[in-house]
Amino acid sequence: MVSDESSLSRSALAALLEKREEIRVVGAVGGDTDALDFAETHRPDIAIVSFDGADIGAISVAEKIASLPECRSLVLAESYTRSIIRQAFSGGVDGMLQRSVSPSWFFEALHRVHQGERVFDADLTVAALANAGCPLTARQLSVLERLSYGDAIVEIATRLHLSEGTVRNYLSSLVTKLGARNRIDALRIARDAHWL
């Protein structure tokens, strides 16, 4: 199954996959909800989920699909952050590749995921592991990341399924942990350290 918001990208990827005689595309859907519904109903061997770098719902969908019996998920990422890579890895996603990957490596990764391996691009793995010394929890990093996108507290709470009070507590705690003057200073410290 292929999941991509862009009709053109979805069709192109499905056409590329269909050129391989050992691969059959059983569905091509346009969004997170459609992808999860299709996977729950049809149980494809592998669900390829496109991630544009902004809608973290795609990662959650890939995690849920990977938890279905006999179903595996592979994320194609346009852009990414360390916290997204860690979320995908710890959430059980079976693979994550950069969208710019070569077709030969893409098909190799599909084959390996189908065989039960977990396949993450080397660059993505290095980026995820490069946070040595980061005092923030994964949740604090995700809150700070949403803040870096310009989200207000209410938007962060909605996107991360938290209460506004919990978001404020996370922000206060991470400011203290980083020895920052305020949220903006905390954001600067995290960016300078390449934690975001």
N, C-alpha and C. Protein backbone atom coordinates (compact mmCIF):
# COMPACT_ATOMS: atom_id res chain seq x y z
N MET A 1 0.84 -1.18 0.00
CA MET A 1 0.00 0.00 0.00
C MET A 1 0.89 1.24 0.00
N VAL A 2 0.46 2.24 -0.73
CA VAL A 2 1.16 3.52 -0.78
C VAL A 2 0.25 4.58 -0.20
N SER A 3 0.79 5.38 0.73
CA SER A 3 0.05 6.50 1.29
C SER A 3 0.85 7.77 1.08
N ASP A 4 0.23 8.72 0.35
CA ASP A 4 0.89 10.00 0.07
C ASP A 4 -0.20 11.02 -0.19
N GLU A 5 -0.09 12.18 0.44
CA GLU A 5 -1.09 13.24 0.26
C GLU A 5 -1.14 13.74 -1.19
N SER A 6 0.00 13.74 -1.86
CA SER A 6 0.08 14.24 -3.22
C SER A 6 -0.35 13.16 -4.21
N SER A 7 -1.35 13.45 -4.98
CA SER A 7 -1.86 12.49 -5.96
C SER A 7 -0.78 12.11 -6.97
N LEU A 8 -0.01 13.09 -7.43
CA LEU A 8 1.03 12.82 -8.42
C LEU A 8 2.12 11.92 -7.83
N SER A 9 2.60 12.23 -6.63
CA SER A 9 3.63 11.40 -5.98
C SER A 9 3.12 10.00 -5.71
N ARG A 10 1.90 9.91 -5.25
CA ARG A 10 1.28 8.61 -4.95
C ARG A 10 1.21 7.75 -6.21
N SER A 11 0.74 8.35 -7.31
CA SER A 11 0.63 7.62 -8.58
C SER A 11 1.99 7.22 -9.12
N ALA A 12 2.98 8.12 -9.01
CA ALA A 12 4.32 7.83 -9.51
C ALA A 12 4.96 6.69 -8.72
N LEU A 13 4.81 6.72 -7.40
CA LEU A 13 5.39 5.67 -6.58
C LEU A 13 4.72 4.33 -6.84
N ALA A 14 3.39 4.34 -6.97
CA ALA A 14 2.66 3.10 -7.27
C ALA A 14 3.10 2.54 -8.62
N ALA A 15 3.29 3.42 -9.62
CA ALA A 15 3.73 2.97 -10.95
C ALA A 15 5.13 2.39 -10.89
N LEU A 16 6.02 3.01 -10.13
CA LEU A 16 7.39 2.50 -9.97
C LEU A 16 7.36 1.11 -9.34
N LEU A 17 6.55 0.94 -8.31
CA LEU A 17 6.46 -0.35 -7.63
C LEU A 17 5.90 -1.43 -8.54
N GLU A 18 4.89 -1.08 -9.33
CA GLU A 18 4.23 -2.05 -10.20
C GLU A 18 5.15 -2.56 -11.31
N LYS A 19 6.25 -1.85 -11.57
CA LYS A 19 7.19 -2.31 -12.60
C LYS A 19 7.94 -3.56 -12.16
N ARG A 20 7.95 -3.83 -10.87
CA ARG A 20 8.61 -5.03 -10.36
C ARG A 20 7.60 -6.17 -10.30
N GLU A 21 7.90 -7.27 -10.97
CA GLU A 21 6.91 -8.35 -11.04
C GLU A 21 6.64 -9.01 -9.70
N GLU A 22 7.57 -8.90 -8.74
CA GLU A 22 7.35 -9.51 -7.44
C GLU A 22 6.54 -8.63 -6.48
N ILE A 23 6.18 -7.42 -6.94
CA ILE A 23 5.45 -6.47 -6.11
C ILE A 23 4.08 -6.19 -6.71
N ARG A 24 3.07 -6.20 -5.85
CA ARG A 24 1.72 -5.83 -6.29
C ARG A 24 1.21 -4.74 -5.35
N VAL A 25 0.84 -3.62 -5.91
CA VAL A 25 0.28 -2.52 -5.13
C VAL A 25 -1.21 -2.81 -4.94
N VAL A 26 -1.61 -2.98 -3.68
CA VAL A 26 -3.01 -3.32 -3.40
C VAL A 26 -3.85 -2.09 -3.08
N GLY A 27 -3.17 -0.95 -2.89
CA GLY A 27 -3.91 0.27 -2.62
C GLY A 27 -3.01 1.48 -2.63
N ALA A 28 -3.57 2.60 -3.04
CA ALA A 28 -2.87 3.88 -3.02
C ALA A 28 -3.85 4.89 -2.44
N VAL A 29 -3.53 5.40 -1.25
CA VAL A 29 -4.46 6.28 -0.53
C VAL A 29 -3.83 7.63 -0.28
N GLY A 30 -4.68 8.60 0.01
CA GLY A 30 -4.22 9.98 0.08
C GLY A 30 -4.03 10.60 1.43
N GLY A 31 -4.15 9.89 2.50
CA GLY A 31 -3.97 10.54 3.79
C GLY A 31 -3.86 9.57 4.93
N ASP A 32 -3.56 10.13 6.11
CA ASP A 32 -3.31 9.31 7.29
C ASP A 32 -4.50 8.44 7.68
N THR A 33 -5.69 9.04 7.74
CA THR A 33 -6.87 8.28 8.14
C THR A 33 -7.18 7.19 7.12
N ASP A 34 -7.10 7.55 5.84
CA ASP A 34 -7.34 6.56 4.78
C ASP A 34 -6.33 5.42 4.84
N ALA A 35 -5.07 5.76 5.13
CA ALA A 35 -4.01 4.75 5.20
C ALA A 35 -4.29 3.76 6.31
N LEU A 36 -4.66 4.26 7.47
CA LEU A 36 -4.92 3.37 8.60
C LEU A 36 -6.16 2.52 8.34
N ASP A 37 -7.21 3.13 7.82
CA ASP A 37 -8.43 2.37 7.49
C ASP A 37 -8.13 1.27 6.49
N PHE A 38 -7.38 1.61 5.44
CA PHE A 38 -7.06 0.62 4.41
C PHE A 38 -6.22 -0.52 4.99
N ALA A 39 -5.22 -0.16 5.79
CA ALA A 39 -4.34 -1.19 6.38
C ALA A 39 -5.11 -2.10 7.33
N GLU A 40 -6.00 -1.53 8.11
CA GLU A 40 -6.78 -2.36 9.05
C GLU A 40 -7.70 -3.32 8.30
N THR A 41 -8.22 -2.88 7.17
CA THR A 41 -9.15 -3.70 6.39
C THR A 41 -8.44 -4.72 5.52
N HIS A 42 -7.36 -4.31 4.83
CA HIS A 42 -6.73 -5.15 3.82
C HIS A 42 -5.41 -5.81 4.23
N ARG A 43 -4.81 -5.33 5.30
CA ARG A 43 -3.56 -5.88 5.83
C ARG A 43 -2.48 -6.09 4.75
N PRO A 44 -2.01 -5.01 4.13
CA PRO A 44 -0.93 -5.17 3.15
C PRO A 44 0.35 -5.65 3.84
N ASP A 45 1.20 -6.34 3.12
CA ASP A 45 2.47 -6.79 3.69
C ASP A 45 3.30 -5.60 4.16
N ILE A 46 3.33 -4.56 3.32
CA ILE A 46 4.08 -3.34 3.66
C ILE A 46 3.25 -2.12 3.30
N ALA A 47 3.19 -1.17 4.22
CA ALA A 47 2.56 0.12 3.94
C ALA A 47 3.68 1.15 3.82
N ILE A 48 3.74 1.82 2.67
CA ILE A 48 4.73 2.87 2.46
C ILE A 48 4.03 4.20 2.74
N VAL A 49 4.50 4.89 3.77
CA VAL A 49 3.86 6.11 4.24
C VAL A 49 4.80 7.28 3.98
N SER A 50 4.34 8.25 3.19
CA SER A 50 5.14 9.45 2.93
C SER A 50 5.00 10.42 4.09
N PHE A 51 6.12 11.03 4.45
CA PHE A 51 6.16 12.00 5.55
C PHE A 51 6.82 13.27 5.05
N ASP A 52 6.07 14.38 5.07
CA ASP A 52 6.59 15.63 4.52
C ASP A 52 7.42 16.44 5.50
N GLY A 53 7.50 15.99 6.73
CA GLY A 53 8.28 16.71 7.74
C GLY A 53 7.44 17.58 8.63
N ALA A 54 6.19 17.83 8.27
CA ALA A 54 5.34 18.71 9.07
C ALA A 54 4.25 17.95 9.81
N ASP A 55 3.58 17.05 9.14
CA ASP A 55 2.44 16.34 9.73
C ASP A 55 2.91 15.10 10.47
N ILE A 56 3.13 15.23 11.79
CA ILE A 56 3.65 14.09 12.54
C ILE A 56 2.61 12.98 12.68
N GLY A 57 1.38 13.24 12.24
CA GLY A 57 0.37 12.20 12.24
C GLY A 57 0.76 11.03 11.35
N ALA A 58 1.55 11.29 10.32
CA ALA A 58 1.99 10.22 9.42
C ALA A 58 2.86 9.22 10.16
N ILE A 59 3.67 9.69 11.10
CA ILE A 59 4.52 8.79 11.88
C ILE A 59 3.65 7.94 12.80
N SER A 60 2.66 8.56 13.43
CA SER A 60 1.76 7.81 14.30
C SER A 60 1.00 6.74 13.52
N VAL A 61 0.58 7.08 12.31
CA VAL A 61 -0.11 6.11 11.46
C VAL A 61 0.82 4.96 11.11
N ALA A 62 2.08 5.27 10.76
CA ALA A 62 3.05 4.21 10.44
C ALA A 62 3.26 3.30 11.65
N GLU A 63 3.29 3.87 12.85
CA GLU A 63 3.44 3.07 14.07
C GLU A 63 2.24 2.13 14.24
N LYS A 64 1.05 2.67 14.06
CA LYS A 64 -0.17 1.85 14.23
C LYS A 64 -0.23 0.74 13.19
N ILE A 65 0.16 1.05 11.97
CA ILE A 65 0.15 0.04 10.92
C ILE A 65 1.16 -1.06 11.25
N ALA A 66 2.34 -0.67 11.74
CA ALA A 66 3.37 -1.66 12.09
C ALA A 66 2.91 -2.58 13.21
N SER A 67 1.96 -2.13 14.02
CA SER A 67 1.48 -2.95 15.13
C SER A 67 0.40 -3.94 14.69
N LEU A 68 -0.10 -3.81 13.47
CA LEU A 68 -1.11 -4.74 12.96
C LEU A 68 -0.46 -6.09 12.64
N PRO A 69 -1.16 -7.18 12.86
CA PRO A 69 -0.59 -8.49 12.53
C PRO A 69 -0.27 -8.59 11.04
N GLU A 70 0.87 -9.16 10.73
CA GLU A 70 1.30 -9.42 9.34
C GLU A 70 1.45 -8.16 8.50
N CYS A 71 1.62 -7.02 9.13
CA CYS A 71 1.74 -5.77 8.38
C CYS A 71 2.98 -5.02 8.86
N ARG A 72 3.73 -4.45 7.92
CA ARG A 72 4.94 -3.70 8.26
C ARG A 72 4.83 -2.32 7.62
N SER A 73 5.57 -1.36 8.16
CA SER A 73 5.49 0.00 7.61
C SER A 73 6.88 0.55 7.31
N LEU A 74 6.93 1.31 6.22
CA LEU A 74 8.16 1.96 5.78
C LEU A 74 7.82 3.42 5.50
N VAL A 75 8.54 4.32 6.16
CA VAL A 75 8.30 5.76 5.99
C VAL A 75 9.29 6.32 5.00
N LEU A 76 8.78 7.09 4.04
CA LEU A 76 9.62 7.86 3.11
C LEU A 76 9.57 9.31 3.57
N ALA A 77 10.69 9.83 4.07
CA ALA A 77 10.70 11.15 4.68
C ALA A 77 11.28 12.21 3.76
N GLU A 78 10.50 13.26 3.56
CA GLU A 78 10.96 14.42 2.79
C GLU A 78 11.96 15.22 3.62
N SER A 79 11.61 15.46 4.86
CA SER A 79 12.50 16.10 5.82
C SER A 79 12.21 15.48 7.18
N TYR A 80 13.08 15.70 8.13
CA TYR A 80 12.94 15.01 9.41
C TYR A 80 13.74 15.74 10.48
N THR A 81 13.42 15.44 11.72
CA THR A 81 14.21 15.91 12.85
C THR A 81 14.64 14.68 13.64
N ARG A 82 15.59 14.87 14.52
CA ARG A 82 16.05 13.76 15.34
C ARG A 82 14.91 13.16 16.16
N SER A 83 14.07 14.01 16.69
CA SER A 83 12.97 13.49 17.52
C SER A 83 12.00 12.65 16.70
N ILE A 84 11.76 13.02 15.45
CA ILE A 84 10.88 12.23 14.58
C ILE A 84 11.50 10.87 14.30
N ILE A 85 12.80 10.85 14.04
CA ILE A 85 13.47 9.58 13.77
C ILE A 85 13.39 8.68 15.00
N ARG A 86 13.68 9.27 16.17
CA ARG A 86 13.59 8.48 17.41
C ARG A 86 12.18 7.98 17.65
N GLN A 87 11.18 8.84 17.38
CA GLN A 87 9.79 8.42 17.57
C GLN A 87 9.46 7.24 16.66
N ALA A 88 9.87 7.34 15.40
CA ALA A 88 9.60 6.25 14.45
C ALA A 88 10.29 4.96 14.89
N PHE A 89 11.53 5.08 15.32
CA PHE A 89 12.28 3.89 15.71
C PHE A 89 11.69 3.26 16.97
N SER A 90 11.47 4.10 17.99
CA SER A 90 10.95 3.55 19.25
C SER A 90 9.49 3.14 19.13
N GLY A 91 8.77 3.70 18.16
CA GLY A 91 7.36 3.37 17.97
C GLY A 91 7.13 2.11 17.16
N GLY A 92 8.21 1.46 16.71
CA GLY A 92 8.07 0.19 16.02
C GLY A 92 7.94 0.27 14.51
N VAL A 93 8.14 1.47 13.93
CA VAL A 93 8.13 1.58 12.47
C VAL A 93 9.26 0.70 11.95
N ASP A 94 9.00 -0.03 10.87
CA ASP A 94 9.96 -1.02 10.39
C ASP A 94 11.08 -0.44 9.54
N GLY A 95 10.87 0.73 8.98
CA GLY A 95 11.91 1.34 8.18
C GLY A 95 11.64 2.81 7.93
N MET A 96 12.71 3.54 7.67
CA MET A 96 12.58 4.97 7.36
C MET A 96 13.70 5.33 6.42
N LEU A 97 13.33 5.84 5.26
CA LEU A 97 14.29 6.24 4.24
C LEU A 97 14.05 7.69 3.85
N GLN A 98 15.12 8.34 3.41
CA GLN A 98 14.95 9.67 2.85
C GLN A 98 14.29 9.54 1.48
N ARG A 99 13.45 10.48 1.16
CA ARG A 99 12.73 10.43 -0.10
C ARG A 99 13.67 10.49 -1.30
N SER A 100 14.86 11.01 -1.09
CA SER A 100 15.84 11.15 -2.18
C SER A 100 16.65 9.88 -2.42
N VAL A 101 16.31 8.79 -1.75
CA VAL A 101 17.05 7.53 -1.87
C VAL A 101 17.02 7.01 -3.31
N SER A 102 18.05 6.28 -3.69
CA SER A 102 18.07 5.71 -5.05
C SER A 102 17.04 4.59 -5.17
N PRO A 103 16.49 4.39 -6.37
CA PRO A 103 15.52 3.30 -6.54
C PRO A 103 16.08 1.94 -6.14
N SER A 104 17.36 1.68 -6.42
CA SER A 104 17.91 0.37 -6.08
C SER A 104 17.92 0.16 -4.56
N TRP A 105 18.30 1.19 -3.81
CA TRP A 105 18.31 1.05 -2.35
C TRP A 105 16.87 0.98 -1.83
N PHE A 106 15.96 1.71 -2.44
CA PHE A 106 14.56 1.67 -2.05
C PHE A 106 14.02 0.24 -2.16
N PHE A 107 14.27 -0.42 -3.30
CA PHE A 107 13.77 -1.78 -3.48
C PHE A 107 14.48 -2.77 -2.55
N GLU A 108 15.76 -2.54 -2.32
CA GLU A 108 16.50 -3.39 -1.36
C GLU A 108 15.89 -3.24 0.04
N ALA A 109 15.60 -2.01 0.43
CA ALA A 109 15.00 -1.77 1.75
C ALA A 109 13.62 -2.41 1.85
N LEU A 110 12.82 -2.32 0.79
CA LEU A 110 11.50 -2.96 0.79
C LEU A 110 11.63 -4.47 0.99
N HIS A 111 12.57 -5.06 0.27
CA HIS A 111 12.79 -6.50 0.39
C HIS A 111 13.19 -6.86 1.83
N ARG A 112 14.10 -6.09 2.40
CA ARG A 112 14.57 -6.38 3.75
C ARG A 112 13.47 -6.19 4.79
N VAL A 113 12.67 -5.14 4.64
CA VAL A 113 11.54 -4.93 5.55
C VAL A 113 10.56 -6.10 5.43
N HIS A 114 10.30 -6.52 4.20
CA HIS A 114 9.39 -7.65 3.98
C HIS A 114 9.90 -8.92 4.65
N GLN A 115 11.23 -9.08 4.71
CA GLN A 115 11.85 -10.24 5.35
C GLN A 115 11.89 -10.13 6.87
N GLY A 116 11.42 -9.00 7.40
CA GLY A 116 11.36 -8.85 8.85
C GLY A 116 12.45 -7.99 9.46
N GLU A 117 13.33 -7.44 8.64
CA GLU A 117 14.38 -6.56 9.16
C GLU A 117 13.84 -5.15 9.36
N ARG A 118 14.54 -4.41 10.19
CA ARG A 118 14.25 -2.98 10.33
C ARG A 118 15.33 -2.24 9.55
N VAL A 119 14.91 -1.30 8.71
CA VAL A 119 15.85 -0.62 7.82
C VAL A 119 15.68 0.90 7.98
N PHE A 120 16.70 1.53 8.52
CA PHE A 120 16.73 2.99 8.65
C PHE A 120 17.98 3.47 7.92
N ASP A 121 17.82 4.51 7.07
CA ASP A 121 18.97 5.09 6.38
C ASP A 121 20.08 5.38 7.38
N ALA A 122 21.32 5.19 6.94
CA ALA A 122 22.46 5.46 7.81
C ALA A 122 22.46 6.92 8.27
N ASP A 123 22.16 7.85 7.37
CA ASP A 123 22.15 9.27 7.74
C ASP A 123 21.10 9.54 8.81
N LEU A 124 19.95 8.88 8.70
CA LEU A 124 18.90 9.08 9.69
C LEU A 124 19.32 8.50 11.04
N THR A 125 19.95 7.35 11.01
CA THR A 125 20.38 6.71 12.25
C THR A 125 21.43 7.56 12.96
N VAL A 126 22.39 8.07 12.20
CA VAL A 126 23.42 8.93 12.79
C VAL A 126 22.78 10.18 13.38
N ALA A 127 21.82 10.76 12.67
CA ALA A 127 21.14 11.96 13.17
C ALA A 127 20.40 11.66 14.47
N ALA A 128 19.77 10.50 14.55
CA ALA A 128 19.01 10.14 15.75
C ALA A 128 19.92 9.90 16.94
N LEU A 129 21.10 9.34 16.69
CA LEU A 129 22.01 9.01 17.78
C LEU A 129 22.90 10.18 18.19
N ALA A 130 22.87 11.24 17.42
CA ALA A 130 23.77 12.36 17.66
C ALA A 130 23.37 13.22 18.85
N ASN A 131 22.37 12.83 19.58
CA ASN A 131 21.89 13.64 20.70
C ASN A 131 22.54 13.29 22.02
N ALA A 132 23.72 12.69 21.99
CA ALA A 132 24.38 12.34 23.24
C ALA A 132 24.50 13.59 24.10
N GLY A 133 24.17 13.44 25.35
CA GLY A 133 24.28 14.56 26.28
C GLY A 133 23.05 15.43 26.36
N CYS A 134 22.02 15.14 25.59
CA CYS A 134 20.80 15.95 25.65
C CYS A 134 20.05 15.62 26.95
N PRO A 135 19.83 16.60 27.80
CA PRO A 135 19.16 16.33 29.08
C PRO A 135 17.63 16.24 28.97
N LEU A 136 17.09 16.52 27.79
CA LEU A 136 15.64 16.57 27.63
C LEU A 136 15.08 15.20 27.28
N THR A 137 13.87 14.95 27.76
CA THR A 137 13.17 13.71 27.41
C THR A 137 12.64 13.84 25.97
N ALA A 138 12.23 12.72 25.41
CA ALA A 138 11.67 12.74 24.06
C ALA A 138 10.44 13.63 24.00
N ARG A 139 9.62 13.60 25.04
CA ARG A 139 8.40 14.42 25.06
C ARG A 139 8.76 15.90 25.16
N GLN A 140 9.75 16.24 25.97
CA GLN A 140 10.18 17.64 26.06
C GLN A 140 10.72 18.12 24.72
N LEU A 141 11.47 17.26 24.05
CA LEU A 141 11.98 17.63 22.72
C LEU A 141 10.85 17.83 21.73
N SER A 142 9.81 16.98 21.80
CA SER A 142 8.70 17.13 20.85
C SER A 142 7.94 18.43 21.12
N VAL A 143 7.79 18.81 22.40
CA VAL A 143 7.14 20.08 22.74
C VAL A 143 7.98 21.24 22.22
N LEU A 144 9.28 21.17 22.44
CA LEU A 144 10.18 22.23 21.99
C LEU A 144 10.20 22.31 20.46
N GLU A 145 10.13 21.15 19.82
CA GLU A 145 10.10 21.12 18.36
C GLU A 145 8.85 21.83 17.82
N ARG A 146 7.70 21.54 18.42
CA ARG A 146 6.47 22.20 17.99
C ARG A 146 6.58 23.72 18.23
N LEU A 147 7.20 24.11 19.33
CA LEU A 147 7.42 25.53 19.60
C LEU A 147 8.29 26.14 18.50
N SER A 148 9.27 25.38 18.02
CA SER A 148 10.16 25.89 16.97
C SER A 148 9.40 26.14 15.67
N TYR A 149 8.28 25.43 15.46
CA TYR A 149 7.45 25.65 14.27
C TYR A 149 6.53 26.86 14.44
N GLY A 150 6.56 27.48 15.62
CA GLY A 150 5.73 28.65 15.87
C GLY A 150 4.38 28.33 16.46
N ASP A 151 4.17 27.07 16.89
CA ASP A 151 2.89 26.70 17.48
C ASP A 151 2.70 27.35 18.84
N ALA A 152 1.49 27.82 19.10
CA ALA A 152 1.13 28.34 20.42
C ALA A 152 0.87 27.16 21.35
N ILE A 153 0.76 27.43 22.64
CA ILE A 153 0.56 26.36 23.62
C ILE A 153 -0.67 25.53 23.30
N VAL A 154 -1.75 26.17 22.92
CA VAL A 154 -2.98 25.43 22.61
C VAL A 154 -2.77 24.51 21.39
N GLU A 155 -2.00 24.98 20.40
CA GLU A 155 -1.72 24.17 19.22
C GLU A 155 -0.81 22.98 19.56
N ILE A 156 0.19 23.24 20.40
CA ILE A 156 1.09 22.15 20.83
C ILE A 156 0.27 21.09 21.58
N ALA A 157 -0.59 21.54 22.47
CA ALA A 157 -1.43 20.61 23.24
C ALA A 157 -2.29 19.76 22.33
N THR A 158 -2.89 20.38 21.33
CA THR A 158 -3.74 19.64 20.39
C THR A 158 -2.94 18.64 19.57
N ARG A 159 -1.82 19.08 19.02
CA ARG A 159 -1.02 18.21 18.16
C ARG A 159 -0.43 17.02 18.92
N LEU A 160 -0.04 17.24 20.17
CA LEU A 160 0.62 16.19 20.94
C LEU A 160 -0.33 15.47 21.90
N HIS A 161 -1.61 15.82 21.82
CA HIS A 161 -2.64 15.19 22.65
C HIS A 161 -2.33 15.34 24.14
N LEU A 162 -2.01 16.58 24.53
CA LEU A 162 -1.72 16.90 25.93
C LEU A 162 -2.64 18.02 26.37
N SER A 163 -2.73 18.23 27.68
CA SER A 163 -3.47 19.40 28.17
C SER A 163 -2.55 20.62 28.07
N GLU A 164 -3.16 21.81 28.04
CA GLU A 164 -2.35 23.03 27.96
C GLU A 164 -1.46 23.16 29.20
N GLY A 165 -1.97 22.76 30.35
CA GLY A 165 -1.18 22.82 31.59
C GLY A 165 0.04 21.92 31.51
N THR A 166 -0.13 20.75 30.93
CA THR A 166 1.00 19.81 30.79
C THR A 166 2.05 20.40 29.85
N VAL A 167 1.61 21.03 28.77
CA VAL A 167 2.56 21.68 27.85
C VAL A 167 3.34 22.76 28.58
N ARG A 168 2.64 23.59 29.37
CA ARG A 168 3.32 24.64 30.14
C ARG A 168 4.34 24.04 31.11
N ASN A 169 3.96 22.93 31.76
CA ASN A 169 4.88 22.26 32.69
C ASN A 169 6.12 21.75 31.97
N TYR A 170 5.93 21.14 30.77
CA TYR A 170 7.07 20.66 29.99
C TYR A 170 7.99 21.82 29.62
N LEU A 171 7.40 22.92 29.18
CA LEU A 171 8.20 24.07 28.78
C LEU A 171 8.98 24.64 29.97
N SER A 172 8.32 24.76 31.10
CA SER A 172 8.98 25.27 32.31
C SER A 172 10.13 24.35 32.72
N SER A 173 9.87 23.05 32.67
CA SER A 173 10.88 22.07 33.06
C SER A 173 12.08 22.09 32.13
N LEU A 174 11.84 22.18 30.83
CA LEU A 174 12.97 22.16 29.89
C LEU A 174 13.77 23.45 29.96
N VAL A 175 13.12 24.57 30.24
CA VAL A 175 13.85 25.83 30.42
C VAL A 175 14.81 25.70 31.60
N THR A 176 14.31 25.10 32.69
CA THR A 176 15.14 24.89 33.88
C THR A 176 16.28 23.93 33.59
N LYS A 177 15.99 22.80 32.94
CA LYS A 177 17.01 21.79 32.64
C LYS A 177 18.14 22.36 31.79
N LEU A 178 17.79 23.25 30.87
CA LEU A 178 18.79 23.81 29.96
C LEU A 178 19.48 25.04 30.53
N GLY A 179 19.00 25.52 31.69
CA GLY A 179 19.58 26.73 32.26
C GLY A 179 19.31 27.93 31.39
N ALA A 180 18.17 27.89 30.71
CA ALA A 180 17.81 28.96 29.77
C ALA A 180 17.09 30.09 30.49
N ARG A 181 17.09 31.26 29.87
CA ARG A 181 16.39 32.42 30.45
C ARG A 181 14.89 32.32 30.22
N ASN A 182 14.51 31.75 29.07
CA ASN A 182 13.10 31.64 28.71
C ASN A 182 12.96 30.59 27.60
N ARG A 183 11.76 30.45 27.06
CA ARG A 183 11.49 29.45 26.01
C ARG A 183 12.32 29.69 24.75
N ILE A 184 12.44 30.95 24.38
CA ILE A 184 13.19 31.28 23.16
C ILE A 184 14.67 30.95 23.35
N ASP A 185 15.20 31.23 24.54
CA ASP A 185 16.58 30.88 24.82
C ASP A 185 16.77 29.36 24.83
N ALA A 186 15.79 28.65 25.36
CA ALA A 186 15.84 27.18 25.37
C ALA A 186 15.86 26.65 23.94
N LEU A 187 15.07 27.26 23.09
CA LEU A 187 15.02 26.87 21.69
C LEU A 187 16.37 27.11 21.02
N ARG A 188 16.99 28.24 21.32
CA ARG A 188 18.31 28.55 20.77
C ARG A 188 19.35 27.53 21.24
N ILE A 189 19.33 27.21 22.52
CA ILE A 189 20.29 26.24 23.08
C ILE A 189 20.13 24.88 22.39
N ALA A 190 18.89 24.44 22.24
CA ALA A 190 18.62 23.13 21.61
C ALA A 190 19.06 23.12 20.15
N ARG A 191 18.82 24.21 19.44
CA ARG A 191 19.25 24.28 18.03
C ARG A 191 20.77 24.30 17.92
N ASP A 192 21.43 25.10 18.79
CA ASP A 192 22.89 25.18 18.75
C ASP A 192 23.54 23.83 19.04
N ALA A 193 22.88 23.04 19.88
CA ALA A 193 23.40 21.71 20.24
C ALA A 193 22.97 20.64 19.23
N HIS A 194 22.18 21.04 18.23
CA HIS A 194 21.67 20.13 17.20
C HIS A 194 20.76 19.05 17.78
N TRP A 195 20.02 19.41 18.81
CA TRP A 195 19.03 18.48 19.36
C TRP A 195 17.72 18.55 18.61
N LEU A 196 17.54 19.65 17.86
CA LEU A 196 16.34 19.81 17.03
C LEU A 196 16.78 19.91 15.58
